[in-house]
Structures are given as structure tokens and as C-alpha cells.
Amino acid sequence: MAVFGASTTSTNVQSLNETLLIGPTFQQNLFSIMVQFRTHQIAFTVDIEWVYRKIRVHSMDTKLQRILWRFSSDTPIQTYELQTVTYRTRSAPYLAAASLKKLAEEEMEKYPWATTVLSQYFCMDYVLSGCHYVTDAIKLQADLMALLVLGFH
């Protein structure tokens, strides 16, 4: 079993989460998102948890995400540095939201509807949205997925 414990401390060192900044909040509050979500005839979610693993960490910071790993108890321990944002680190929600906001700004012209929805209705690791017509919902969901793939391929 693999566990990355960003909150793990030792007797003489702070945990990674204790040293990370949280960053500002970009998204609306959950209550507003849920109220908007419930107004649609056709509601859907887009799971974007995978985005965290697509956001690269600056090379100077990867040393802070070192993990020890071995494939079995009789093999030597190896050291790896995680290259992407790690889920459950204190800064991960901000980094994901900032990346999504930047993507929406850059692709507004190509995907105006999807970028607006992504900017306003992103919560944790989901986009919560919907439409009044099935055809519109299918189009919006497809545009959201295309936008996300474009930004995080």
C-alpha cells in the first residue's frame, strides 16, 4: 500500500503541509454552486480529480515531495521525487483552481460556454453544472472534457 503523508511530522521537522501556503480561494462557495446546480432540468458532474496529477511542480520544489519506495521487503529502498501536484497536500486545491482559472482564461475564445462554467462551478475535484435540454447538456459536457484534455494532456 502506498501512502503519501504530507501531514506526517517527526520529532525535529515540520510536516510538508505545515510549511505550504494555502493560497486564495477562486471558486464560489459550495452553497452557491449547489443552488445553481439544482436549478437545471438536466444536471451533470465532470470528475476532474485526475487534474491534480497533470499539474507539474516546479523542479526546485520536487525535493519536498520525496517518497521512499520498494517493491518488496527484500529489495532495496529507492527514493523518488513526485513531479506533479500531490492530492491532499495543503496547497493542492489552490494549485488546481489556479490552473483551471488560467486554462479558462486562455481558451475563452475557443470554448466560451465551457470556460464560463469551469470558472464558476468548479468545486473540489468536480465541475457541477447542467442545462435545460439534453442536447445542450451533452454539448456542454463534451466541451468541458475537450477543454480539460486540451489543458491537461
Protein backbone atom coordinates (compact mmCIF):
# COMPACT_ATOMS: atom_id res chain seq x y z
CA MET A 1 0.00 0.00 0.00
CA ALA A 2 1.34 3.45 -0.92
CA VAL A 3 0.60 6.45 1.27
CA PHE A 4 1.91 9.97 0.87
CA GLY A 5 1.63 11.62 4.27
CA ALA A 6 2.01 15.35 3.76
CA SER A 7 0.76 15.89 7.31
CA THR A 8 3.23 13.44 8.87
CA THR A 9 5.64 15.03 11.33
CA SER A 10 8.72 13.82 13.13
CA THR A 11 10.31 14.98 16.35
CA ASN A 12 12.53 17.61 14.72
CA VAL A 13 10.90 18.51 11.39
CA GLN A 14 7.61 20.13 10.43
CA SER A 15 5.29 18.30 8.07
CA LEU A 16 5.13 19.35 4.43
CA ASN A 17 1.57 20.64 4.97
CA GLU A 18 2.76 22.84 7.84
CA THR A 19 5.19 24.60 5.51
CA LEU A 20 2.92 25.01 2.46
CA LEU A 21 0.84 28.12 1.85
CA ILE A 22 -2.85 27.61 1.07
CA GLY A 23 -3.36 30.42 -1.45
CA PRO A 24 -6.53 32.40 -2.12
CA THR A 25 -9.89 30.87 -2.99
CA PHE A 26 -11.01 31.28 -6.61
CA GLN A 27 -14.24 29.35 -6.72
CA GLN A 28 -17.64 30.35 -5.41
CA ASN A 29 -18.77 28.94 -2.09
CA LEU A 30 -20.27 25.47 -2.10
CA PHE A 31 -23.77 26.67 -1.22
CA SER A 32 -23.94 28.93 -4.30
CA ILE A 33 -22.66 26.17 -6.55
CA MET A 34 -25.17 23.65 -5.19
CA VAL A 35 -28.10 26.09 -5.54
CA GLN A 36 -27.16 26.76 -9.16
CA PHE A 37 -26.66 23.04 -9.80
CA ARG A 38 -30.18 22.23 -8.60
CA THR A 39 -31.84 24.72 -10.96
CA HIS A 40 -31.12 22.65 -14.08
CA GLN A 41 -33.57 20.23 -15.66
CA ILE A 42 -30.57 18.11 -16.71
CA ALA A 43 -27.72 18.12 -14.19
CA PHE A 44 -24.30 16.51 -14.57
CA THR A 45 -20.88 16.42 -12.99
CA VAL A 46 -17.44 16.20 -14.51
CA ASP A 47 -14.92 14.44 -12.29
CA ILE A 48 -11.61 16.25 -12.58
CA GLU A 49 -9.63 14.61 -9.78
CA TRP A 50 -7.09 13.50 -12.40
CA VAL A 51 -6.18 17.17 -12.98
CA TYR A 52 -4.07 17.15 -9.82
CA ARG A 53 -1.71 14.59 -11.33
CA LYS A 54 -1.32 16.66 -14.52
CA ILE A 55 -0.09 19.87 -12.86
CA ARG A 56 3.69 19.87 -12.80
CA VAL A 57 5.53 21.12 -9.73
CA HIS A 58 8.49 23.48 -10.20
CA SER A 59 11.73 21.48 -10.25
CA MET A 60 13.03 23.37 -7.18
CA ASP A 61 10.08 22.05 -5.16
CA THR A 62 10.08 18.37 -6.10
CA LYS A 63 12.61 17.61 -3.35
CA LEU A 64 9.80 18.43 -0.90
CA GLN A 65 7.77 15.58 -2.35
CA ARG A 66 10.27 12.77 -1.94
CA ILE A 67 8.94 9.31 -1.30
CA LEU A 68 10.67 6.09 -0.33
CA TRP A 69 9.57 3.01 -2.20
CA ARG A 70 10.41 -0.62 -2.59
CA PHE A 71 8.59 -3.34 -4.42
CA SER A 72 9.07 -5.98 -1.71
CA SER A 73 10.71 -6.28 1.68
CA ASP A 74 13.79 -7.97 0.21
CA THR A 75 14.57 -5.21 -2.34
CA PRO A 76 16.47 -2.01 -1.56
CA ILE A 77 14.56 1.18 -0.79
CA GLN A 78 14.56 3.67 -3.66
CA THR A 79 13.95 7.42 -3.49
CA TYR A 80 11.62 9.18 -5.92
CA GLU A 81 10.59 12.81 -6.27
CA LEU A 82 6.99 13.36 -7.27
CA GLN A 83 6.83 15.71 -10.26
CA THR A 84 3.15 16.70 -10.08
CA VAL A 85 0.79 18.24 -7.54
CA THR A 86 0.02 15.71 -4.87
CA TYR A 87 -3.57 15.29 -3.80
CA ARG A 88 -4.11 16.02 -0.08
CA THR A 89 -1.31 18.50 0.22
CA ARG A 90 -2.42 21.79 1.70
CA SER A 91 -1.72 23.75 -1.49
CA ALA A 92 -3.28 21.25 -3.95
CA PRO A 93 -6.77 22.83 -4.07
CA TYR A 94 -5.31 26.27 -4.80
CA LEU A 95 -2.93 24.94 -7.46
CA ALA A 96 -5.74 23.05 -9.18
CA ALA A 97 -8.10 26.05 -9.05
CA ALA A 98 -5.39 28.43 -10.32
CA SER A 99 -4.57 26.07 -13.18
CA LEU A 100 -8.24 25.74 -14.13
CA LYS A 101 -8.69 29.51 -13.98
CA LYS A 102 -5.66 30.04 -16.23
CA LEU A 103 -6.94 27.42 -18.67
CA ALA A 104 -10.35 29.12 -18.79
CA GLU A 105 -8.72 32.50 -19.47
CA GLU A 106 -6.55 31.10 -22.26
CA GLU A 107 -9.30 29.14 -24.03
CA MET A 108 -12.24 31.55 -23.60
CA GLU A 109 -12.46 32.24 -27.32
CA LYS A 110 -12.49 28.58 -28.36
CA TYR A 111 -14.83 27.31 -25.59
CA PRO A 112 -16.79 30.33 -24.27
CA TRP A 113 -19.58 28.35 -22.59
CA ALA A 114 -17.34 25.66 -21.13
CA THR A 115 -14.79 28.16 -19.78
CA THR A 116 -17.53 30.16 -18.07
CA VAL A 117 -18.90 27.02 -16.43
CA LEU A 118 -15.41 25.84 -15.47
CA SER A 119 -14.62 29.22 -13.91
CA GLN A 120 -17.83 29.49 -11.92
CA TYR A 121 -18.89 25.96 -11.00
CA PHE A 122 -15.70 24.16 -10.06
CA CYS A 123 -15.75 22.67 -6.57
CA MET A 124 -13.03 20.45 -5.09
CA ASP A 125 -12.46 17.98 -7.90
CA TYR A 126 -15.77 18.27 -9.76
CA VAL A 127 -17.50 20.62 -12.13
CA LEU A 128 -21.20 20.77 -11.24
CA SER A 129 -23.44 22.08 -13.98
CA GLY A 130 -26.33 21.34 -16.25
CA CYS A 131 -28.79 22.63 -18.81
CA HIS A 132 -32.49 22.67 -19.56
CA TYR A 133 -32.16 20.46 -22.65
CA VAL A 134 -30.40 17.12 -23.11
CA THR A 135 -28.70 18.20 -26.33
CA ASP A 136 -27.24 21.28 -24.64
CA ALA A 137 -26.05 19.20 -21.67
CA ILE A 138 -24.31 16.72 -23.98
CA LYS A 139 -22.63 19.58 -25.88
CA LEU A 140 -21.53 21.38 -22.71
CA GLN A 141 -20.17 18.23 -21.12
CA ALA A 142 -18.27 17.34 -24.31
CA ASP A 143 -16.83 20.88 -24.50
CA LEU A 144 -15.77 20.71 -20.84
CA MET A 145 -13.98 17.43 -21.40
CA ALA A 146 -12.32 18.71 -24.59
CA LEU A 147 -11.21 21.85 -22.75
CA LEU A 148 -9.75 19.87 -19.87
CA VAL A 149 -7.95 17.45 -22.16
CA LEU A 150 -6.55 20.40 -24.10
CA GLY A 151 -5.19 21.96 -20.94
CA PHE A 152 -4.02 18.83 -19.14
CA HIS A 153 -2.97 16.32 -21.82
